[in-house]
N, C-alpha and C. Protein backbone atom coordinates (compact mmCIF):
# COMPACT_ATOMS: atom_id res chain seq x y z
N MET A 1 45.60 -121.86 -111.21
CA MET A 1 45.70 -121.90 -109.74
C MET A 1 46.23 -120.58 -109.18
N LEU A 2 47.00 -119.86 -109.97
CA LEU A 2 47.59 -118.62 -109.46
C LEU A 2 46.54 -117.58 -109.12
N PRO A 3 45.57 -117.39 -110.00
CA PRO A 3 44.53 -116.41 -109.63
C PRO A 3 43.81 -116.78 -108.35
N ARG A 4 43.56 -118.04 -108.13
CA ARG A 4 42.87 -118.44 -106.91
C ARG A 4 43.72 -118.16 -105.66
N ARG A 5 45.05 -118.42 -105.77
CA ARG A 5 45.93 -118.15 -104.63
C ARG A 5 45.99 -116.64 -104.33
N ALA A 6 46.01 -115.83 -105.39
CA ALA A 6 46.03 -114.38 -105.19
C ALA A 6 44.74 -113.92 -104.51
N SER A 7 43.64 -114.52 -104.91
CA SER A 7 42.37 -114.16 -104.31
C SER A 7 42.35 -114.50 -102.83
N LEU A 8 42.90 -115.69 -102.51
CA LEU A 8 42.95 -116.09 -101.11
C LEU A 8 43.86 -115.15 -100.30
N ALA A 9 44.95 -114.74 -100.89
CA ALA A 9 45.88 -113.84 -100.18
C ALA A 9 45.22 -112.51 -99.89
N ARG A 10 44.46 -112.03 -100.90
CA ARG A 10 43.77 -110.74 -100.69
C ARG A 10 42.74 -110.87 -99.59
N ALA A 11 42.05 -111.98 -99.57
CA ALA A 11 41.02 -112.20 -98.55
C ALA A 11 41.65 -112.24 -97.16
N ALA A 12 42.79 -112.95 -97.07
CA ALA A 12 43.47 -113.02 -95.77
C ALA A 12 43.91 -111.64 -95.31
N LEU A 13 44.39 -110.81 -96.26
CA LEU A 13 44.83 -109.45 -95.93
C LEU A 13 43.66 -108.61 -95.42
N VAL A 14 42.52 -108.73 -96.07
CA VAL A 14 41.33 -107.98 -95.65
C VAL A 14 40.93 -108.37 -94.23
N VAL A 15 40.96 -109.71 -93.95
CA VAL A 15 40.61 -110.19 -92.61
C VAL A 15 41.58 -109.64 -91.57
N LEU A 16 42.88 -109.64 -91.92
CA LEU A 16 43.90 -109.16 -90.98
C LEU A 16 43.68 -107.67 -90.66
N VAL A 17 43.42 -106.89 -91.71
CA VAL A 17 43.18 -105.46 -91.50
C VAL A 17 41.95 -105.24 -90.62
N ALA A 18 40.90 -106.03 -90.86
CA ALA A 18 39.68 -105.89 -90.07
C ALA A 18 39.93 -106.20 -88.60
N LEU A 19 40.77 -107.24 -88.35
CA LEU A 19 41.08 -107.60 -86.97
C LEU A 19 41.85 -106.48 -86.27
N VAL A 20 42.79 -105.87 -87.00
CA VAL A 20 43.59 -104.79 -86.42
C VAL A 20 42.69 -103.60 -86.06
N VAL A 21 41.79 -103.26 -87.01
CA VAL A 21 40.88 -102.15 -86.77
C VAL A 21 39.98 -102.43 -85.57
N LEU A 22 39.49 -103.70 -85.49
CA LEU A 22 38.63 -104.07 -84.37
C LEU A 22 39.36 -103.99 -83.04
N ALA A 23 40.62 -104.42 -83.03
CA ALA A 23 41.42 -104.39 -81.80
C ALA A 23 41.65 -102.95 -81.36
N CYS A 24 41.94 -102.08 -82.32
CA CYS A 24 42.19 -100.68 -81.98
C CYS A 24 40.94 -100.01 -81.42
N SER A 25 39.78 -100.41 -81.99
CA SER A 25 38.54 -99.77 -81.55
C SER A 25 38.16 -100.20 -80.15
N ARG A 26 38.70 -101.33 -79.66
CA ARG A 26 38.37 -101.80 -78.33
C ARG A 26 39.35 -101.31 -77.27
N SER A 27 40.42 -100.66 -77.69
CA SER A 27 41.39 -100.18 -76.70
C SER A 27 40.77 -99.04 -75.89
N ALA A 28 41.25 -98.85 -74.65
CA ALA A 28 40.69 -97.83 -73.76
C ALA A 28 40.95 -96.44 -74.35
N PRO A 29 39.95 -95.62 -74.37
CA PRO A 29 40.16 -94.27 -74.89
C PRO A 29 41.09 -93.47 -73.98
N GLU A 30 41.86 -92.56 -74.56
CA GLU A 30 42.76 -91.72 -73.77
C GLU A 30 41.92 -90.77 -72.92
N PRO A 31 42.34 -90.58 -71.67
CA PRO A 31 41.55 -89.69 -70.80
C PRO A 31 41.59 -88.26 -71.33
N GLU A 32 40.44 -87.60 -71.21
CA GLU A 32 40.40 -86.21 -71.62
C GLU A 32 41.08 -85.34 -70.58
N PRO A 33 41.71 -84.28 -71.01
CA PRO A 33 42.38 -83.41 -70.02
C PRO A 33 41.37 -82.81 -69.06
N SER A 34 41.81 -82.72 -67.80
CA SER A 34 40.92 -82.16 -66.77
C SER A 34 40.69 -80.69 -67.05
N PRO A 35 39.46 -80.23 -66.84
CA PRO A 35 39.20 -78.80 -67.05
C PRO A 35 39.96 -77.98 -66.02
N PRO A 36 40.40 -76.79 -66.38
CA PRO A 36 41.12 -75.95 -65.40
C PRO A 36 40.21 -75.61 -64.25
N PRO A 37 40.81 -75.42 -63.02
CA PRO A 37 39.97 -75.09 -61.87
C PRO A 37 39.24 -73.78 -62.11
N ALA A 38 38.02 -73.76 -61.65
CA ALA A 38 37.21 -72.57 -61.85
C ALA A 38 37.79 -71.40 -61.07
N ALA A 39 37.92 -70.29 -61.71
CA ALA A 39 38.46 -69.11 -61.05
C ALA A 39 37.42 -68.55 -60.10
N SER A 40 37.90 -68.12 -58.94
CA SER A 40 36.98 -67.56 -57.96
C SER A 40 36.46 -66.23 -58.46
N GLY A 41 35.17 -66.05 -58.30
CA GLY A 41 34.57 -64.80 -58.76
C GLY A 41 34.85 -63.64 -57.82
N ALA A 42 35.29 -63.95 -56.57
CA ALA A 42 35.53 -62.88 -55.60
C ALA A 42 36.92 -62.30 -55.78
N PRO A 43 37.04 -60.99 -55.96
CA PRO A 43 38.36 -60.39 -56.11
C PRO A 43 39.15 -60.47 -54.81
N ALA A 44 40.48 -60.58 -54.90
CA ALA A 44 41.32 -60.62 -53.71
C ALA A 44 41.25 -59.27 -53.00
N ALA A 45 41.21 -59.33 -51.66
CA ALA A 45 41.12 -58.09 -50.90
C ALA A 45 42.43 -57.32 -51.00
N ALA A 46 42.35 -56.04 -51.23
CA ALA A 46 43.54 -55.21 -51.33
C ALA A 46 44.16 -55.06 -49.94
N PRO A 47 45.48 -54.93 -49.86
CA PRO A 47 46.10 -54.73 -48.55
C PRO A 47 45.67 -53.40 -47.94
N LEU A 48 45.83 -53.30 -46.66
CA LEU A 48 45.49 -52.06 -45.97
C LEU A 48 46.39 -50.93 -46.47
N ALA A 49 45.84 -49.73 -46.52
CA ALA A 49 46.61 -48.56 -46.94
C ALA A 49 46.51 -47.48 -45.87
N TRP A 50 47.47 -46.55 -45.86
CA TRP A 50 47.51 -45.48 -44.86
C TRP A 50 48.37 -44.34 -45.38
N ASP A 51 48.27 -43.20 -44.72
CA ASP A 51 49.07 -42.02 -45.06
C ASP A 51 50.28 -41.96 -44.14
N VAL A 52 51.47 -41.80 -44.75
CA VAL A 52 52.71 -41.76 -43.98
C VAL A 52 53.09 -40.31 -43.70
N PRO A 53 53.39 -39.95 -42.46
CA PRO A 53 53.84 -38.59 -42.16
C PRO A 53 55.05 -38.21 -43.02
N GLY A 54 55.07 -36.98 -43.51
CA GLY A 54 56.10 -36.56 -44.45
C GLY A 54 57.52 -36.61 -43.92
N SER A 55 57.70 -36.49 -42.60
CA SER A 55 59.06 -36.49 -42.04
C SER A 55 59.60 -37.88 -41.77
N TRP A 56 58.77 -38.91 -41.92
CA TRP A 56 59.23 -40.27 -41.67
C TRP A 56 59.90 -40.83 -42.91
N ALA A 57 60.97 -41.58 -42.72
CA ALA A 57 61.70 -42.18 -43.84
C ALA A 57 61.31 -43.65 -43.97
N ALA A 58 60.87 -44.04 -45.15
CA ALA A 58 60.51 -45.44 -45.41
C ALA A 58 61.77 -46.26 -45.62
N LEU A 59 61.86 -47.41 -44.99
CA LEU A 59 62.99 -48.32 -45.11
C LEU A 59 62.56 -49.58 -45.85
N ASP A 60 63.52 -50.29 -46.41
CA ASP A 60 63.22 -51.51 -47.16
C ASP A 60 62.78 -52.63 -46.20
N VAL A 61 61.86 -53.43 -46.66
CA VAL A 61 61.42 -54.62 -45.92
C VAL A 61 61.43 -55.81 -46.86
N PRO A 62 61.57 -57.04 -46.34
CA PRO A 62 61.53 -58.22 -47.21
C PRO A 62 60.19 -58.34 -47.91
N ARG A 63 60.19 -58.91 -49.11
CA ARG A 63 58.93 -59.08 -49.84
C ARG A 63 58.03 -60.10 -49.18
N ALA A 64 58.62 -61.09 -48.54
CA ALA A 64 57.83 -62.12 -47.85
C ALA A 64 57.91 -61.90 -46.35
N GLY A 65 56.93 -62.41 -45.64
CA GLY A 65 56.95 -62.31 -44.19
C GLY A 65 55.91 -61.33 -43.68
N PRO A 66 55.77 -61.25 -42.36
CA PRO A 66 54.71 -60.43 -41.78
C PRO A 66 54.98 -58.93 -41.82
N ARG A 67 56.23 -58.52 -41.94
CA ARG A 67 56.52 -57.08 -41.89
C ARG A 67 56.20 -56.45 -43.24
N LYS A 68 55.23 -55.55 -43.24
CA LYS A 68 54.76 -54.94 -44.48
C LYS A 68 55.34 -53.56 -44.74
N ALA A 69 55.81 -52.89 -43.70
CA ALA A 69 56.41 -51.57 -43.87
C ALA A 69 57.26 -51.26 -42.64
N LEU A 70 58.24 -50.37 -42.84
CA LEU A 70 59.13 -49.97 -41.75
C LEU A 70 59.51 -48.52 -41.98
N TYR A 71 59.43 -47.71 -40.92
CA TYR A 71 59.73 -46.28 -41.02
C TYR A 71 60.69 -45.86 -39.92
N ARG A 72 61.52 -44.87 -40.24
CA ARG A 72 62.39 -44.26 -39.23
C ARG A 72 61.86 -42.88 -38.91
N VAL A 73 61.70 -42.61 -37.63
CA VAL A 73 61.16 -41.33 -37.17
C VAL A 73 62.33 -40.44 -36.74
N PRO A 74 62.36 -39.18 -37.17
CA PRO A 74 63.47 -38.29 -36.79
C PRO A 74 63.60 -38.16 -35.28
N ARG A 75 64.82 -38.10 -34.80
CA ARG A 75 65.07 -37.96 -33.36
C ARG A 75 64.62 -36.58 -32.87
N ALA A 76 64.22 -36.57 -31.61
CA ALA A 76 63.78 -35.32 -31.00
C ALA A 76 64.59 -35.05 -29.74
N GLY A 77 64.76 -33.76 -29.42
CA GLY A 77 65.44 -33.38 -28.18
C GLY A 77 66.83 -33.96 -28.08
N ASN A 78 67.09 -34.59 -26.94
CA ASN A 78 68.42 -35.14 -26.66
C ASN A 78 68.53 -36.64 -26.97
N ASP A 79 67.53 -37.20 -27.57
CA ASP A 79 67.59 -38.63 -27.89
C ASP A 79 68.70 -38.91 -28.89
N LYS A 80 69.41 -39.99 -28.66
CA LYS A 80 70.55 -40.34 -29.51
C LYS A 80 70.33 -41.61 -30.33
N GLU A 81 69.13 -42.16 -30.24
CA GLU A 81 68.82 -43.37 -31.00
C GLU A 81 67.54 -43.17 -31.79
N ASP A 82 67.45 -43.91 -32.88
CA ASP A 82 66.30 -43.78 -33.76
C ASP A 82 65.06 -44.45 -33.17
N VAL A 83 63.93 -43.99 -33.63
CA VAL A 83 62.65 -44.63 -33.34
C VAL A 83 62.17 -45.29 -34.62
N GLU A 84 61.70 -46.50 -34.51
CA GLU A 84 61.18 -47.22 -35.68
C GLU A 84 59.70 -47.50 -35.52
N VAL A 85 59.01 -47.47 -36.65
CA VAL A 85 57.60 -47.86 -36.71
C VAL A 85 57.49 -49.05 -37.65
N GLN A 86 56.97 -50.15 -37.15
CA GLN A 86 56.77 -51.35 -37.96
C GLN A 86 55.29 -51.55 -38.22
N VAL A 87 54.99 -52.03 -39.43
CA VAL A 87 53.63 -52.44 -39.77
C VAL A 87 53.67 -53.93 -40.05
N LEU A 88 52.84 -54.69 -39.34
CA LEU A 88 52.86 -56.15 -39.41
C LEU A 88 51.47 -56.69 -39.76
N SER A 89 51.46 -57.74 -40.56
CA SER A 89 50.23 -58.45 -40.86
C SER A 89 50.54 -59.94 -40.96
N PHE A 90 49.76 -60.75 -40.24
CA PHE A 90 49.98 -62.20 -40.20
C PHE A 90 48.89 -62.96 -40.94
N GLY A 91 48.10 -62.27 -41.75
CA GLY A 91 47.05 -62.96 -42.48
C GLY A 91 45.85 -63.25 -41.58
N LEU A 92 45.15 -64.33 -41.92
CA LEU A 92 43.91 -64.65 -41.22
C LEU A 92 44.07 -65.71 -40.14
N GLY A 93 45.29 -66.17 -39.89
CA GLY A 93 45.50 -67.23 -38.91
C GLY A 93 45.57 -66.73 -37.48
N ASN A 94 45.85 -67.68 -36.56
CA ASN A 94 45.91 -67.37 -35.14
C ASN A 94 47.08 -66.46 -34.77
N ARG A 95 48.09 -66.42 -35.64
CA ARG A 95 49.26 -65.58 -35.33
C ARG A 95 48.88 -64.10 -35.24
N GLY A 96 47.75 -63.76 -35.81
CA GLY A 96 47.29 -62.38 -35.78
C GLY A 96 46.40 -62.04 -34.59
N ASP A 97 46.39 -62.89 -33.57
CA ASP A 97 45.58 -62.61 -32.39
C ASP A 97 46.05 -61.32 -31.72
N VAL A 98 45.13 -60.40 -31.50
CA VAL A 98 45.49 -59.07 -31.01
C VAL A 98 46.11 -59.13 -29.62
N GLU A 99 45.44 -59.75 -28.68
CA GLU A 99 45.95 -59.76 -27.31
C GLU A 99 47.28 -60.49 -27.20
N ALA A 100 47.45 -61.57 -27.95
CA ALA A 100 48.71 -62.31 -27.92
C ALA A 100 49.87 -61.44 -28.40
N ASN A 101 49.64 -60.65 -29.43
CA ASN A 101 50.69 -59.76 -29.91
C ASN A 101 50.99 -58.65 -28.91
N PHE A 102 49.94 -58.09 -28.30
CA PHE A 102 50.18 -57.07 -27.28
C PHE A 102 51.01 -57.63 -26.14
N GLN A 103 50.68 -58.83 -25.69
CA GLN A 103 51.43 -59.44 -24.58
C GLN A 103 52.89 -59.69 -24.97
N GLU A 104 53.11 -60.04 -26.22
CA GLU A 104 54.48 -60.24 -26.69
C GLU A 104 55.26 -58.92 -26.66
N TRP A 105 54.60 -57.83 -27.01
CA TRP A 105 55.25 -56.53 -26.94
C TRP A 105 55.56 -56.14 -25.50
N PHE A 106 54.59 -56.37 -24.59
CA PHE A 106 54.80 -56.03 -23.18
C PHE A 106 55.99 -56.81 -22.60
N ALA A 107 56.14 -58.05 -23.04
CA ALA A 107 57.20 -58.91 -22.50
C ALA A 107 58.59 -58.41 -22.86
N GLN A 108 58.69 -57.49 -23.80
CA GLN A 108 60.00 -56.94 -24.16
C GLN A 108 60.45 -55.84 -23.19
N PHE A 109 59.60 -55.49 -22.25
CA PHE A 109 59.94 -54.53 -21.20
C PHE A 109 60.12 -55.26 -19.88
N ASP A 110 60.97 -54.70 -19.03
CA ASP A 110 61.15 -55.28 -17.70
C ASP A 110 59.89 -55.05 -16.87
N GLY A 111 59.58 -56.02 -16.02
CA GLY A 111 58.44 -55.89 -15.13
C GLY A 111 57.13 -56.16 -15.85
N ASP A 112 56.06 -56.03 -15.10
CA ASP A 112 54.72 -56.31 -15.63
C ASP A 112 54.10 -55.01 -16.16
N VAL A 113 54.67 -54.49 -17.25
CA VAL A 113 54.18 -53.21 -17.77
C VAL A 113 52.77 -53.34 -18.34
N GLY A 114 52.41 -54.53 -18.76
CA GLY A 114 51.08 -54.74 -19.33
C GLY A 114 49.96 -54.46 -18.35
N ALA A 115 50.23 -54.66 -17.07
CA ALA A 115 49.19 -54.44 -16.06
C ALA A 115 48.79 -52.97 -15.99
N ASN A 116 49.72 -52.08 -16.32
CA ASN A 116 49.43 -50.65 -16.26
C ASN A 116 49.41 -50.00 -17.64
N ALA A 117 49.26 -50.82 -18.68
CA ALA A 117 49.27 -50.27 -20.03
C ALA A 117 48.08 -49.35 -20.24
N ARG A 118 48.33 -48.25 -20.96
CA ARG A 118 47.23 -47.35 -21.33
C ARG A 118 46.58 -47.92 -22.58
N ARG A 119 45.28 -48.13 -22.53
CA ARG A 119 44.56 -48.74 -23.65
C ARG A 119 43.42 -47.84 -24.11
N GLU A 120 43.11 -47.96 -25.39
CA GLU A 120 42.01 -47.20 -25.96
C GLU A 120 41.48 -47.98 -27.15
N SER A 121 40.21 -47.79 -27.48
CA SER A 121 39.63 -48.39 -28.67
C SER A 121 38.71 -47.39 -29.34
N PHE A 122 38.66 -47.42 -30.66
CA PHE A 122 37.81 -46.54 -31.44
C PHE A 122 37.63 -47.16 -32.82
N GLU A 123 36.86 -46.53 -33.67
CA GLU A 123 36.60 -47.06 -35.01
C GLU A 123 37.12 -46.11 -36.08
N VAL A 124 37.64 -46.70 -37.15
CA VAL A 124 38.09 -45.94 -38.32
C VAL A 124 37.49 -46.61 -39.55
N ARG A 125 36.60 -45.93 -40.25
CA ARG A 125 35.98 -46.45 -41.47
C ARG A 125 35.39 -47.85 -41.27
N GLY A 126 34.73 -48.03 -40.15
CA GLY A 126 34.09 -49.31 -39.85
C GLY A 126 35.01 -50.37 -39.31
N MET A 127 36.30 -50.06 -39.11
CA MET A 127 37.25 -51.03 -38.57
C MET A 127 37.56 -50.68 -37.12
N ARG A 128 37.54 -51.68 -36.28
CA ARG A 128 37.84 -51.47 -34.86
C ARG A 128 39.35 -51.36 -34.66
N VAL A 129 39.76 -50.33 -33.92
CA VAL A 129 41.18 -50.11 -33.63
C VAL A 129 41.38 -50.18 -32.12
N GLU A 130 42.40 -50.92 -31.70
CA GLU A 130 42.76 -51.00 -30.28
C GLU A 130 44.20 -50.53 -30.14
N THR A 131 44.44 -49.61 -29.19
CA THR A 131 45.79 -49.09 -29.00
C THR A 131 46.29 -49.41 -27.59
N VAL A 132 47.61 -49.50 -27.47
CA VAL A 132 48.26 -49.70 -26.18
C VAL A 132 49.47 -48.77 -26.09
N GLU A 133 49.83 -48.44 -24.86
CA GLU A 133 51.02 -47.62 -24.62
C GLU A 133 51.66 -48.05 -23.32
N VAL A 134 52.97 -48.32 -23.37
CA VAL A 134 53.73 -48.67 -22.17
C VAL A 134 55.09 -47.98 -22.25
N ALA A 135 55.74 -47.87 -21.10
CA ALA A 135 57.07 -47.25 -21.04
C ALA A 135 57.88 -47.93 -19.95
N GLY A 136 59.21 -47.84 -20.09
CA GLY A 136 60.08 -48.44 -19.09
C GLY A 136 61.40 -48.88 -19.69
N THR A 137 61.94 -49.96 -19.15
CA THR A 137 63.22 -50.50 -19.60
C THR A 137 62.96 -51.55 -20.67
N TYR A 138 63.44 -51.27 -21.85
CA TYR A 138 63.20 -52.13 -23.02
C TYR A 138 64.40 -53.04 -23.22
N THR A 139 64.13 -54.29 -23.58
CA THR A 139 65.22 -55.26 -23.80
C THR A 139 65.18 -55.78 -25.23
N ILE A 140 66.35 -55.88 -25.82
CA ILE A 140 66.49 -56.40 -27.18
C ILE A 140 67.27 -57.70 -27.12
N ALA A 141 66.65 -58.78 -27.54
CA ALA A 141 67.29 -60.10 -27.48
C ALA A 141 68.47 -60.16 -28.44
N LEU A 142 69.61 -60.65 -27.95
CA LEU A 142 70.80 -60.84 -28.78
C LEU A 142 71.12 -62.32 -28.98
N GLY A 143 70.17 -63.17 -28.69
CA GLY A 143 70.35 -64.60 -28.87
C GLY A 143 69.00 -65.27 -28.83
N PRO A 144 68.97 -66.61 -28.96
CA PRO A 144 67.69 -67.34 -28.95
C PRO A 144 67.01 -67.23 -27.59
N LYS A 145 65.67 -67.18 -27.64
CA LYS A 145 64.89 -67.11 -26.41
C LYS A 145 64.64 -68.50 -25.86
N ALA A 146 64.68 -68.63 -24.54
CA ALA A 146 64.47 -69.94 -23.91
C ALA A 146 63.89 -69.73 -22.53
N GLY A 147 63.51 -70.85 -21.89
CA GLY A 147 62.99 -70.79 -20.54
C GLY A 147 61.51 -70.47 -20.51
N ALA A 148 60.97 -70.49 -19.29
CA ALA A 148 59.54 -70.28 -19.11
C ALA A 148 59.11 -68.90 -19.58
N ARG A 149 59.98 -67.89 -19.39
CA ARG A 149 59.63 -66.52 -19.77
C ARG A 149 60.03 -66.18 -21.19
N LYS A 150 60.65 -67.14 -21.87
CA LYS A 150 61.06 -66.93 -23.26
C LYS A 150 61.95 -65.70 -23.39
N ARG A 151 62.99 -65.64 -22.54
CA ARG A 151 63.93 -64.53 -22.59
C ARG A 151 65.27 -65.04 -23.10
N ALA A 152 65.98 -64.18 -23.80
CA ALA A 152 67.30 -64.55 -24.30
C ALA A 152 68.32 -64.48 -23.17
N SER A 153 69.37 -65.30 -23.29
CA SER A 153 70.40 -65.29 -22.26
C SER A 153 71.23 -64.01 -22.31
N VAL A 154 71.28 -63.38 -23.47
CA VAL A 154 72.01 -62.11 -23.63
C VAL A 154 71.04 -61.09 -24.22
N GLU A 155 70.90 -59.94 -23.56
CA GLU A 155 69.98 -58.91 -24.01
C GLU A 155 70.64 -57.53 -23.94
N MET A 156 70.23 -56.65 -24.84
CA MET A 156 70.64 -55.26 -24.79
C MET A 156 69.55 -54.49 -24.05
N VAL A 157 69.93 -53.72 -23.07
CA VAL A 157 68.96 -53.04 -22.22
C VAL A 157 68.91 -51.56 -22.59
N LYS A 158 67.70 -51.04 -22.79
CA LYS A 158 67.49 -49.64 -23.16
C LYS A 158 66.60 -48.98 -22.10
N GLU A 159 67.17 -48.04 -21.37
CA GLU A 159 66.39 -47.32 -20.37
C GLU A 159 65.58 -46.21 -21.03
N GLY A 160 64.43 -45.90 -20.43
CA GLY A 160 63.63 -44.77 -20.88
C GLY A 160 63.04 -44.93 -22.25
N TYR A 161 62.52 -46.11 -22.55
CA TYR A 161 61.89 -46.36 -23.84
C TYR A 161 60.37 -46.33 -23.69
N ARG A 162 59.70 -46.04 -24.80
CA ARG A 162 58.23 -46.01 -24.82
C ARG A 162 57.74 -46.74 -26.06
N LEU A 163 56.60 -47.41 -25.94
CA LEU A 163 55.99 -48.11 -27.06
C LEU A 163 54.56 -47.63 -27.24
N LEU A 164 54.25 -47.26 -28.47
CA LEU A 164 52.87 -47.00 -28.87
C LEU A 164 52.50 -48.07 -29.88
N GLY A 165 51.41 -48.76 -29.65
CA GLY A 165 50.99 -49.83 -30.56
C GLY A 165 49.53 -49.74 -30.89
N ALA A 166 49.18 -50.26 -32.05
CA ALA A 166 47.77 -50.27 -32.47
C ALA A 166 47.50 -51.53 -33.27
N ALA A 167 46.32 -52.08 -33.08
CA ALA A 167 45.84 -53.21 -33.88
C ALA A 167 44.59 -52.77 -34.61
N VAL A 168 44.58 -52.95 -35.91
CA VAL A 168 43.42 -52.59 -36.73
C VAL A 168 42.75 -53.90 -37.16
N ARG A 169 41.52 -54.10 -36.74
CA ARG A 169 40.78 -55.32 -37.08
C ARG A 169 39.99 -55.07 -38.36
N THR A 170 40.36 -55.74 -39.43
CA THR A 170 39.65 -55.56 -40.69
C THR A 170 38.68 -56.72 -40.90
N PRO A 171 37.60 -56.52 -41.65
CA PRO A 171 36.63 -57.60 -41.86
C PRO A 171 37.11 -58.69 -42.80
N ASP A 172 38.05 -58.38 -43.70
CA ASP A 172 38.44 -59.36 -44.72
C ASP A 172 39.94 -59.42 -44.98
N ARG A 173 40.74 -58.68 -44.21
CA ARG A 173 42.18 -58.66 -44.45
C ARG A 173 42.99 -59.00 -43.21
N GLY A 174 42.34 -59.62 -42.24
CA GLY A 174 43.03 -59.97 -41.01
C GLY A 174 43.28 -58.75 -40.15
N ASN A 175 44.05 -58.95 -39.08
CA ASN A 175 44.41 -57.86 -38.17
C ASN A 175 45.77 -57.29 -38.57
N TRP A 176 45.86 -55.97 -38.60
CA TRP A 176 47.11 -55.29 -38.95
C TRP A 176 47.62 -54.58 -37.71
N PHE A 177 48.96 -54.63 -37.51
CA PHE A 177 49.57 -54.10 -36.30
C PHE A 177 50.55 -52.98 -36.65
N PHE A 178 50.47 -51.90 -35.88
CA PHE A 178 51.37 -50.76 -36.04
C PHE A 178 52.08 -50.56 -34.70
N ARG A 179 53.41 -50.52 -34.75
CA ARG A 179 54.19 -50.54 -33.50
C ARG A 179 55.32 -49.53 -33.57
N MET A 180 55.28 -48.52 -32.71
CA MET A 180 56.36 -47.54 -32.62
C MET A 180 57.06 -47.69 -31.29
N VAL A 181 58.37 -47.88 -31.31
CA VAL A 181 59.11 -48.06 -30.07
C VAL A 181 60.46 -47.36 -30.19
N GLY A 182 60.88 -46.74 -29.09
CA GLY A 182 62.17 -46.05 -29.10
C GLY A 182 62.29 -45.13 -27.90
N PRO A 183 63.32 -44.27 -27.90
CA PRO A 183 63.52 -43.34 -26.79
C PRO A 183 62.28 -42.49 -26.52
N ASP A 184 62.01 -42.26 -25.25
CA ASP A 184 60.75 -41.66 -24.83
C ASP A 184 60.45 -40.32 -25.49
N GLU A 185 61.44 -39.42 -25.55
CA GLU A 185 61.16 -38.06 -26.04
C GLU A 185 60.74 -38.07 -27.51
N THR A 186 61.41 -38.89 -28.30
CA THR A 186 61.06 -38.95 -29.72
C THR A 186 59.69 -39.59 -29.92
N VAL A 187 59.40 -40.64 -29.18
CA VAL A 187 58.08 -41.29 -29.30
C VAL A 187 56.99 -40.31 -28.89
N GLN A 188 57.23 -39.57 -27.81
CA GLN A 188 56.23 -38.60 -27.36
C GLN A 188 56.01 -37.52 -28.42
N SER A 189 57.10 -37.08 -29.08
CA SER A 189 56.97 -36.03 -30.08
C SER A 189 56.24 -36.52 -31.33
N ALA A 190 56.29 -37.84 -31.58
CA ALA A 190 55.66 -38.41 -32.78
C ALA A 190 54.27 -38.97 -32.48
N ARG A 191 53.77 -38.74 -31.28
CA ARG A 191 52.49 -39.31 -30.89
C ARG A 191 51.35 -38.90 -31.83
N SER A 192 51.24 -37.60 -32.12
CA SER A 192 50.14 -37.13 -32.97
C SER A 192 50.29 -37.64 -34.40
N ALA A 193 51.54 -37.74 -34.90
CA ALA A 193 51.77 -38.26 -36.25
C ALA A 193 51.36 -39.73 -36.32
N PHE A 194 51.68 -40.49 -35.28
CA PHE A 194 51.32 -41.90 -35.22
C PHE A 194 49.79 -42.05 -35.20
N ARG A 195 49.16 -41.22 -34.40
CA ARG A 195 47.70 -41.28 -34.34
C ARG A 195 47.08 -40.92 -35.70
N GLY A 196 47.65 -39.91 -36.38
CA GLY A 196 47.15 -39.53 -37.68
C GLY A 196 47.28 -40.66 -38.69
N LEU A 197 48.40 -41.41 -38.63
CA LEU A 197 48.58 -42.56 -39.52
C LEU A 197 47.48 -43.59 -39.26
N ILE A 198 47.24 -43.90 -38.00
CA ILE A 198 46.23 -44.90 -37.66
C ILE A 198 44.85 -44.45 -38.14
N GLU A 199 44.53 -43.18 -37.97
CA GLU A 199 43.22 -42.69 -38.36
C GLU A 199 43.05 -42.59 -39.88
N SER A 200 44.16 -42.74 -40.62
CA SER A 200 44.08 -42.69 -42.09
C SER A 200 43.91 -44.05 -42.74
N VAL A 201 43.93 -45.14 -41.94
CA VAL A 201 43.89 -46.48 -42.55
C VAL A 201 42.60 -46.66 -43.33
N ARG A 202 42.72 -47.42 -44.44
CA ARG A 202 41.57 -47.63 -45.31
C ARG A 202 41.77 -48.90 -46.13
């Protein structure tokens, strides 16, 4: 009887193993890993480049944000304050609207200076450039802006200031803005250098 019982035990074991194998084969297969996203074949557009006048000093700017470069222009004549040139880029969104930025710059002066702004447009390497120039009493906000005119309750007032601005419309890198503002004599003396920088954009 012992051999028969051993045979039955072996048979039961074989059946048990077969059931386990069958159960495993019916379980849901593990999902295959998703393929990596296809890399875009188009190379990223390089940022705008330009030639900086040799007498201008480059200052540090944050790595993030719209300000891409900042320069200090040497003082001229009797001016006692520095002139700064900012380069701004807001990407491809609405924040880079040319006229909206110009109006924001005009609003930093007392009165309706935008109505008499000197404007010009020309092309540089296939890119349309629009320039503006205004002068008068410049205000620097020392607190949050509020009210219908979006003016700060406390402002620093600068008499005899001038602003030269330019917007460069690129086909694939958004609009880039160049803004020089400061005491009139220094801005006037740097006019040709500013124009040369704009004409060097590429």
